[in-house]
């Protein structure tokens, strides 16, 4: 039985998005006030959250929703980046 092409596409795209987030988190650690990087992370998390939800990956959707909320608070200045947050 072959895997569902939608699942294969989701996994491929989510892997690429996770790699981008990883690179951006390293950049953010070096420059915690970089609003461009923060916005890019939030945008990528949002896309991943929506794709997870529409693909039925509820745990991934919940995790990305929480991460998006945290990073949005950093971007909006209601929370500061700290070692605990990182």
N, C-alpha and C. Protein backbone atom coordinates (compact mmCIF):
# COMPACT_ATOMS: atom_id res chain seq x y z
N UNK A 1 0.84 -1.18 0.00
CA UNK A 1 0.00 0.00 0.00
C UNK A 1 0.88 1.25 0.00
N UNK A 2 0.61 2.13 -0.91
CA UNK A 2 1.40 3.36 -1.02
C UNK A 2 0.87 4.41 -0.06
N UNK A 3 1.78 5.27 0.44
CA UNK A 3 1.33 6.32 1.35
C UNK A 3 0.47 7.34 0.62
N UNK A 4 -0.38 7.97 1.38
CA UNK A 4 -1.24 9.03 0.86
C UNK A 4 -0.36 10.17 0.36
N UNK A 5 -0.52 10.61 -0.89
CA UNK A 5 0.33 11.68 -1.43
C UNK A 5 0.20 12.98 -0.63
N UNK A 6 -0.95 13.22 -0.03
CA UNK A 6 -1.12 14.44 0.78
C UNK A 6 -0.24 14.38 2.03
N UNK A 7 -0.14 13.19 2.60
CA UNK A 7 0.72 13.02 3.78
C UNK A 7 2.17 13.19 3.38
N UNK A 8 2.55 12.60 2.26
CA UNK A 8 3.93 12.73 1.78
C UNK A 8 4.26 14.20 1.53
N UNK A 9 3.35 14.93 0.90
CA UNK A 9 3.58 16.36 0.64
C UNK A 9 3.67 17.14 1.95
N UNK A 10 2.78 16.84 2.90
CA UNK A 10 2.83 17.53 4.19
C UNK A 10 4.17 17.28 4.88
N UNK A 11 4.61 16.03 4.89
CA UNK A 11 5.87 15.70 5.56
C UNK A 11 7.06 16.39 4.90
N UNK A 12 7.06 16.44 3.58
CA UNK A 12 8.15 17.12 2.87
C UNK A 12 8.16 18.61 3.20
N UNK A 13 7.00 19.24 3.11
CA UNK A 13 6.93 20.68 3.38
C UNK A 13 7.22 20.99 4.84
N UNK A 14 6.69 20.18 5.75
CA UNK A 14 6.91 20.47 7.17
C UNK A 14 8.38 20.29 7.54
N UNK A 15 9.05 19.35 6.90
CA UNK A 15 10.48 19.17 7.15
C UNK A 15 11.25 20.42 6.72
N UNK A 16 10.91 20.96 5.56
CA UNK A 16 11.56 22.19 5.08
C UNK A 16 11.27 23.35 6.02
N UNK A 17 10.03 23.45 6.48
CA UNK A 17 9.66 24.53 7.39
C UNK A 17 10.38 24.39 8.72
N UNK A 18 10.51 23.17 9.21
CA UNK A 18 11.21 22.94 10.47
C UNK A 18 12.69 23.32 10.35
N UNK A 19 13.29 23.03 9.21
CA UNK A 19 14.68 23.43 8.98
C UNK A 19 14.82 24.95 8.99
N UNK A 20 13.87 25.66 8.36
CA UNK A 20 13.90 27.12 8.35
C UNK A 20 13.74 27.67 9.76
N UNK A 21 12.81 27.10 10.51
CA UNK A 21 12.61 27.55 11.89
C UNK A 21 13.87 27.32 12.71
N UNK A 22 14.50 26.19 12.53
CA UNK A 22 15.74 25.88 13.26
C UNK A 22 16.81 26.93 12.97
N UNK A 23 17.00 27.25 11.69
CA UNK A 23 18.00 28.26 11.32
C UNK A 23 17.63 29.62 11.90
N UNK A 24 16.35 29.94 11.84
CA UNK A 24 15.91 31.25 12.35
C UNK A 24 16.04 31.34 13.87
N UNK A 25 15.81 30.24 14.57
CA UNK A 25 15.98 30.26 16.02
C UNK A 25 17.43 30.49 16.41
N UNK A 26 18.35 29.92 15.66
CA UNK A 26 19.78 30.17 15.90
C UNK A 26 20.09 31.64 15.67
N UNK A 27 19.55 32.20 14.58
CA UNK A 27 19.76 33.63 14.30
C UNK A 27 19.12 34.50 15.38
N UNK A 28 17.96 34.10 15.86
CA UNK A 28 17.27 34.86 16.90
C UNK A 28 18.05 34.82 18.21
N UNK A 29 18.65 33.70 18.51
CA UNK A 29 19.45 33.59 19.72
C UNK A 29 20.63 34.57 19.67
N UNK A 30 21.21 34.75 18.48
CA UNK A 30 22.32 35.67 18.30
C UNK A 30 21.87 37.13 18.35
N UNK A 31 20.63 37.37 17.92
CA UNK A 31 20.09 38.74 17.89
C UNK A 31 18.62 38.71 18.31
N UNK A 32 18.35 38.66 19.63
CA UNK A 32 16.98 38.48 20.13
C UNK A 32 16.00 39.58 19.73
N UNK A 33 16.48 40.71 19.28
CA UNK A 33 15.59 41.81 18.91
C UNK A 33 15.32 41.89 17.40
N UNK A 34 15.75 40.90 16.68
CA UNK A 34 15.60 40.90 15.22
C UNK A 34 14.14 40.63 14.85
N UNK A 35 13.43 41.70 14.55
CA UNK A 35 12.00 41.58 14.27
C UNK A 35 11.72 40.86 12.94
N UNK A 36 12.64 40.95 12.00
CA UNK A 36 12.46 40.26 10.72
C UNK A 36 12.49 38.75 10.94
N UNK A 37 13.45 38.28 11.70
CA UNK A 37 13.56 36.85 11.98
C UNK A 37 12.36 36.38 12.80
N UNK A 38 11.97 37.16 13.81
CA UNK A 38 10.80 36.79 14.62
C UNK A 38 9.56 36.68 13.76
N UNK A 39 9.35 37.63 12.89
CA UNK A 39 8.17 37.59 12.02
C UNK A 39 8.20 36.39 11.09
N UNK A 40 9.39 36.08 10.58
CA UNK A 40 9.51 34.93 9.68
C UNK A 40 9.19 33.63 10.43
N UNK A 41 9.65 33.51 11.67
CA UNK A 41 9.35 32.32 12.47
C UNK A 41 7.85 32.21 12.71
N UNK A 42 7.22 33.31 13.11
CA UNK A 42 5.78 33.31 13.37
C UNK A 42 5.02 32.92 12.10
N UNK A 43 5.40 33.50 10.97
CA UNK A 43 4.73 33.18 9.70
C UNK A 43 4.89 31.70 9.35
N UNK A 44 6.09 31.17 9.52
CA UNK A 44 6.34 29.77 9.20
C UNK A 44 5.55 28.85 10.13
N UNK A 45 5.52 29.20 11.42
CA UNK A 45 4.73 28.41 12.37
C UNK A 45 3.25 28.44 12.01
N UNK A 46 2.77 29.58 11.58
CA UNK A 46 1.36 29.70 11.20
C UNK A 46 1.03 28.77 10.04
N UNK A 47 1.87 28.78 9.03
CA UNK A 47 1.66 27.91 7.86
C UNK A 47 1.70 26.44 8.29
N UNK A 48 2.67 26.09 9.12
CA UNK A 48 2.78 24.72 9.60
C UNK A 48 1.58 24.32 10.44
N UNK A 49 1.10 25.23 11.27
CA UNK A 49 -0.08 24.97 12.10
C UNK A 49 -1.30 24.69 11.23
N UNK A 50 -1.52 25.54 10.23
CA UNK A 50 -2.68 25.36 9.35
C UNK A 50 -2.59 24.06 8.56
N UNK A 51 -1.42 23.76 8.04
CA UNK A 51 -1.24 22.52 7.27
C UNK A 51 -1.43 21.30 8.16
N UNK A 52 -0.95 21.38 9.39
CA UNK A 52 -1.11 20.27 10.34
C UNK A 52 -2.58 20.02 10.62
N UNK A 53 -3.29 21.09 10.87
CA UNK A 53 -4.71 20.96 11.17
C UNK A 53 -5.51 20.40 10.02
N UNK A 54 -5.23 20.89 8.83
CA UNK A 54 -6.00 20.42 7.67
C UNK A 54 -5.60 19.00 7.26
N UNK A 55 -4.43 18.54 7.72
CA UNK A 55 -3.98 17.19 7.39
C UNK A 55 -4.34 16.19 8.49
N UNK A 56 -4.93 16.69 9.58
CA UNK A 56 -5.34 15.80 10.66
C UNK A 56 -4.26 15.46 11.66
N UNK A 57 -3.16 16.20 11.64
CA UNK A 57 -2.09 15.98 12.61
C UNK A 57 -2.33 16.89 13.81
N UNK A 58 -3.24 16.45 14.68
CA UNK A 58 -3.71 17.30 15.76
C UNK A 58 -2.64 17.64 16.78
N UNK A 59 -1.76 16.71 17.11
CA UNK A 59 -0.70 16.99 18.07
C UNK A 59 0.28 18.03 17.53
N UNK A 60 0.61 17.90 16.25
CA UNK A 60 1.50 18.88 15.62
C UNK A 60 0.82 20.24 15.56
N UNK A 61 -0.47 20.25 15.26
CA UNK A 61 -1.21 21.51 15.24
C UNK A 61 -1.18 22.17 16.61
N UNK A 62 -1.40 21.41 17.66
CA UNK A 62 -1.40 21.96 19.01
C UNK A 62 -0.03 22.51 19.40
N UNK A 63 1.02 21.78 19.05
CA UNK A 63 2.38 22.23 19.37
C UNK A 63 2.73 23.50 18.61
N UNK A 64 2.39 23.55 17.33
CA UNK A 64 2.71 24.75 16.56
C UNK A 64 1.85 25.93 16.98
N UNK A 65 0.62 25.66 17.42
CA UNK A 65 -0.24 26.73 17.92
C UNK A 65 0.41 27.38 19.16
N UNK A 66 0.90 26.54 20.08
CA UNK A 66 1.55 27.05 21.29
C UNK A 66 2.82 27.82 20.96
N UNK A 67 3.61 27.28 20.03
CA UNK A 67 4.85 27.96 19.63
C UNK A 67 4.54 29.29 18.95
N UNK A 68 3.53 29.29 18.09
CA UNK A 68 3.14 30.53 17.41
C UNK A 68 2.70 31.59 18.42
N UNK A 69 1.94 31.18 19.41
CA UNK A 69 1.48 32.12 20.44
C UNK A 69 2.67 32.70 21.21
N UNK A 70 3.62 31.85 21.59
CA UNK A 70 4.80 32.32 22.31
C UNK A 70 5.62 33.29 21.46
N UNK A 71 5.90 32.90 20.22
CA UNK A 71 6.73 33.75 19.36
C UNK A 71 6.02 35.04 18.99
N UNK A 72 4.70 35.00 18.88
CA UNK A 72 3.94 36.24 18.62
C UNK A 72 4.09 37.19 19.79
N UNK A 73 4.06 36.67 21.01
CA UNK A 73 4.23 37.54 22.18
C UNK A 73 5.63 38.15 22.21
N UNK A 74 6.62 37.43 21.74
CA UNK A 74 7.97 37.99 21.63
C UNK A 74 8.01 39.08 20.57
N UNK A 75 7.40 38.78 19.42
CA UNK A 75 7.40 39.74 18.31
C UNK A 75 6.67 41.02 18.70
N UNK A 76 5.55 40.87 19.43
CA UNK A 76 4.75 42.02 19.81
C UNK A 76 5.30 42.76 21.03
N UNK A 77 6.33 42.22 21.66
CA UNK A 77 6.96 42.89 22.79
C UNK A 77 6.28 42.67 24.13
N UNK A 78 5.32 41.77 24.20
CA UNK A 78 4.66 41.51 25.48
C UNK A 78 5.44 40.51 26.32
N UNK A 79 6.45 39.91 25.73
CA UNK A 79 7.33 38.97 26.43
C UNK A 79 8.73 39.17 25.88
N UNK A 80 9.72 38.98 26.75
CA UNK A 80 11.12 39.13 26.33
C UNK A 80 11.77 37.76 26.19
N UNK A 81 12.67 37.64 25.23
CA UNK A 81 13.41 36.41 25.04
C UNK A 81 14.38 36.24 26.19
N UNK A 82 14.38 35.08 26.78
CA UNK A 82 15.27 34.75 27.89
C UNK A 82 15.71 33.31 27.73
N UNK A 83 16.71 32.89 28.51
CA UNK A 83 17.11 31.48 28.43
C UNK A 83 15.95 30.52 28.74
N UNK A 84 15.07 30.89 29.66
CA UNK A 84 13.93 30.05 30.00
C UNK A 84 12.98 29.94 28.81
N UNK A 85 12.73 31.04 28.13
CA UNK A 85 11.83 31.03 26.97
C UNK A 85 12.46 30.21 25.85
N UNK A 86 13.76 30.41 25.65
CA UNK A 86 14.45 29.67 24.59
C UNK A 86 14.41 28.19 24.88
